[in-house]
Structure formats: C-alpha cells, structure tokens
Amino acid sequence: MSTKKTPATHGSEVRIAISDVASELAFECPTPASEIREAVTAALSSGNPLVLSDLKGRQIIVPAQKIGFVEIGEQSERRVGFGTL
C-alpha cells in the first residue's frame, strides 16, 4: 500500500455568496486569510471586482456590487480513521 503525502499548503478555504445567484462559490485559495480579507475590503471600498485564484491557478472574478458575503477559513488537515478529533 502506498501512502502518498501531498505537499502542505498554507492557503484558505473561501466561500462567496453572490446576490441573485442561488449557489455559493466555494474553493481553496493558496493566499493567506489576511490577504484575502484585504482584497475583499479593497474591492468593496473601491467598487472594483474581487479577483482571487484557486489552488489550480484558475481566477475567480466577482463584481464587488454582487458580493453578499465572504467566508474565509483556514485549511484543515483531512483526518482518516476512527477516534480522530
């Protein structure tokens, strides 16, 4: 049995609610939470689109006027097995 470990990333999990859209955007971002928070604040104050990228390098662009909320969380390590808390 092979145990392949993926390299540790220090990114964040991001959820963005967009007005007039039923579902939310959810993706993992390599950017630290503090930088995402700054980008969201800058987009909301200036009215410019929020531009973030995911772990695969794709860019997510959301118009600032359409942002309902942004939830930013630290990535958690996936645990497998019984008795893991």
C-alpha atoms as a PDB file:
ATOM      1  CA  MET A   1       0.000   0.000   0.000  1.00  0.00           C
ATOM      2  CA  SER A   2       1.337   3.369  -0.995  1.00  0.00           C
ATOM      3  CA  THR A   3       0.975   6.400   1.230  1.00  0.00           C
ATOM      4  CA  LYS A   4       1.413   9.460  -0.899  1.00  0.00           C
ATOM      5  CA  LYS A   5       1.609  12.715   1.002  1.00  0.00           C
ATOM      6  CA  THR A   6       0.669  15.926  -0.696  1.00  0.00           C
ATOM      7  CA  PRO A   7       2.793  18.981  -0.039  1.00  0.00           C
ATOM      8  CA  ALA A   8       1.450  21.191   2.725  1.00  0.00           C
ATOM      9  CA  THR A   9      -0.219  24.354   1.567  1.00  0.00           C
ATOM     10  CA  HIS A  10      -0.864  27.343   3.756  1.00  0.00           C
ATOM     11  CA  GLY A  11      -3.946  28.586   1.998  1.00  0.00           C
ATOM     12  CA  SER A  12      -7.532  29.229   2.942  1.00  0.00           C
ATOM     13  CA  GLU A  13     -10.984  27.891   2.206  1.00  0.00           C
ATOM     14  CA  VAL A  14     -13.205  30.595   0.728  1.00  0.00           C
ATOM     15  CA  ARG A  15     -16.985  30.793   0.292  1.00  0.00           C
ATOM     16  CA  ILE A  16     -18.545  33.712  -1.548  1.00  0.00           C
ATOM     17  CA  ALA A  17     -22.285  34.368  -1.751  1.00  0.00           C
ATOM     18  CA  ILE A  18     -23.301  36.285  -4.858  1.00  0.00           C
ATOM     19  CA  SER A  19     -26.550  38.239  -4.996  1.00  0.00           C
ATOM     20  CA  ASP A  20     -29.156  36.920  -7.475  1.00  0.00           C
ATOM     21  CA  VAL A  21     -27.354  33.540  -7.641  1.00  0.00           C
ATOM     22  CA  ALA A  22     -28.772  30.539  -5.757  1.00  0.00           C
ATOM     23  CA  SER A  23     -25.495  28.746  -5.036  1.00  0.00           C
ATOM     24  CA  GLU A  24     -22.266  29.938  -3.439  1.00  0.00           C
ATOM     25  CA  LEU A  25     -18.737  29.839  -4.798  1.00  0.00           C
ATOM     26  CA  ALA A  26     -16.562  27.568  -2.657  1.00  0.00           C
ATOM     27  CA  PHE A  27     -12.895  26.956  -3.389  1.00  0.00           C
ATOM     28  CA  GLU A  28      -9.471  26.572  -1.808  1.00  0.00           C
ATOM     29  CA  CYS A  29      -7.157  29.528  -2.259  1.00  0.00           C
ATOM     30  CA  PRO A  30      -3.356  29.481  -1.785  1.00  0.00           C
ATOM     31  CA  THR A  31      -3.490  33.029  -0.408  1.00  0.00           C
ATOM     32  CA  PRO A  32      -3.396  33.520   3.385  1.00  0.00           C
ATOM     33  CA  ALA A  33      -6.653  34.617   5.055  1.00  0.00           C
ATOM     34  CA  SER A  34      -5.290  38.062   5.949  1.00  0.00           C
ATOM     35  CA  GLU A  35      -4.503  38.854   2.299  1.00  0.00           C
ATOM     36  CA  ILE A  36      -7.930  37.638   1.166  1.00  0.00           C
ATOM     37  CA  ARG A  37      -9.557  39.859   3.789  1.00  0.00           C
ATOM     38  CA  GLU A  38      -7.556  42.852   2.483  1.00  0.00           C
ATOM     39  CA  ALA A  39      -8.552  42.075  -1.130  1.00  0.00           C
ATOM     40  CA  VAL A  40     -12.241  41.831  -0.180  1.00  0.00           C
ATOM     41  CA  THR A  41     -12.100  45.085   1.782  1.00  0.00           C
ATOM     42  CA  ALA A  42     -10.335  46.871  -1.094  1.00  0.00           C
ATOM     43  CA  ALA A  43     -12.855  45.572  -3.648  1.00  0.00           C
ATOM     44  CA  LEU A  44     -15.834  46.619  -1.535  1.00  0.00           C
ATOM     45  CA  SER A  45     -14.476  50.096  -0.805  1.00  0.00           C
ATOM     46  CA  SER A  46     -13.342  50.847  -4.376  1.00  0.00           C
ATOM     47  CA  GLY A  47     -16.125  49.079  -6.267  1.00  0.00           C
ATOM     48  CA  ASN A  48     -13.586  47.134  -8.343  1.00  0.00           C
ATOM     49  CA  PRO A  49     -14.094  43.399  -8.899  1.00  0.00           C
ATOM     50  CA  LEU A  50     -12.731  40.915  -6.360  1.00  0.00           C
ATOM     51  CA  VAL A  51     -10.094  38.762  -8.062  1.00  0.00           C
ATOM     52  CA  LEU A  52      -8.821  35.600  -6.350  1.00  0.00           C
ATOM     53  CA  SER A  53      -7.216  32.409  -7.656  1.00  0.00           C
ATOM     54  CA  ASP A  54      -7.745  28.811  -6.588  1.00  0.00           C
ATOM     55  CA  LEU A  55      -5.167  26.074  -5.983  1.00  0.00           C
ATOM     56  CA  LYS A  56      -5.312  25.026  -9.650  1.00  0.00           C
ATOM     57  CA  GLY A  57      -4.427  28.529 -10.821  1.00  0.00           C
ATOM     58  CA  ARG A  58      -7.888  29.459 -12.096  1.00  0.00           C
ATOM     59  CA  GLN A  59      -9.007  33.024 -11.448  1.00  0.00           C
ATOM     60  CA  ILE A  60     -12.316  33.827  -9.789  1.00  0.00           C
ATOM     61  CA  ILE A  61     -13.639  37.317 -10.522  1.00  0.00           C
ATOM     62  CA  VAL A  62     -16.698  38.645  -8.693  1.00  0.00           C
ATOM     63  CA  PRO A  63     -18.162  42.132  -9.173  1.00  0.00           C
ATOM     64  CA  ALA A  64     -17.948  43.984  -5.847  1.00  0.00           C
ATOM     65  CA  GLN A  65     -21.590  45.108  -6.042  1.00  0.00           C
ATOM     66  CA  LYS A  66     -22.744  41.463  -6.233  1.00  0.00           C
ATOM     67  CA  ILE A  67     -20.874  40.177  -3.150  1.00  0.00           C
ATOM     68  CA  GLY A  68     -23.353  39.028  -0.488  1.00  0.00           C
ATOM     69  CA  PHE A  69     -20.796  37.723   1.989  1.00  0.00           C
ATOM     70  CA  VAL A  70     -17.337  36.189   2.045  1.00  0.00           C
ATOM     71  CA  GLU A  71     -16.399  33.445   4.492  1.00  0.00           C
ATOM     72  CA  ILE A  72     -12.692  32.760   4.950  1.00  0.00           C
ATOM     73  CA  GLY A  73     -11.367  29.787   6.893  1.00  0.00           C
ATOM     74  CA  GLU A  74      -8.016  28.136   7.351  1.00  0.00           C
ATOM     75  CA  GLN A  75      -7.481  24.861   5.542  1.00  0.00           C
ATOM     76  CA  SER A  76      -7.788  21.914   7.849  1.00  0.00           C
ATOM     77  CA  GLU A  77      -5.882  18.696   7.576  1.00  0.00           C
ATOM     78  CA  ARG A  78      -8.087  15.815   6.447  1.00  0.00           C
ATOM     79  CA  ARG A  79      -8.176  13.076   9.025  1.00  0.00           C
ATOM     80  CA  VAL A  80      -8.965   9.462   8.333  1.00  0.00           C
ATOM     81  CA  GLY A  81      -9.763   6.707  10.785  1.00  0.00           C
ATOM     82  CA  PHE A  82     -11.631   6.067  13.969  1.00  0.00           C
ATOM     83  CA  GLY A  83     -11.249   8.188  17.060  1.00  0.00           C
ATOM     84  CA  THR A  84      -9.743  11.235  15.348  1.00  0.00           C
ATOM     85  CA  LEU A  85     -10.992  14.516  16.723  1.00  0.00           C
END
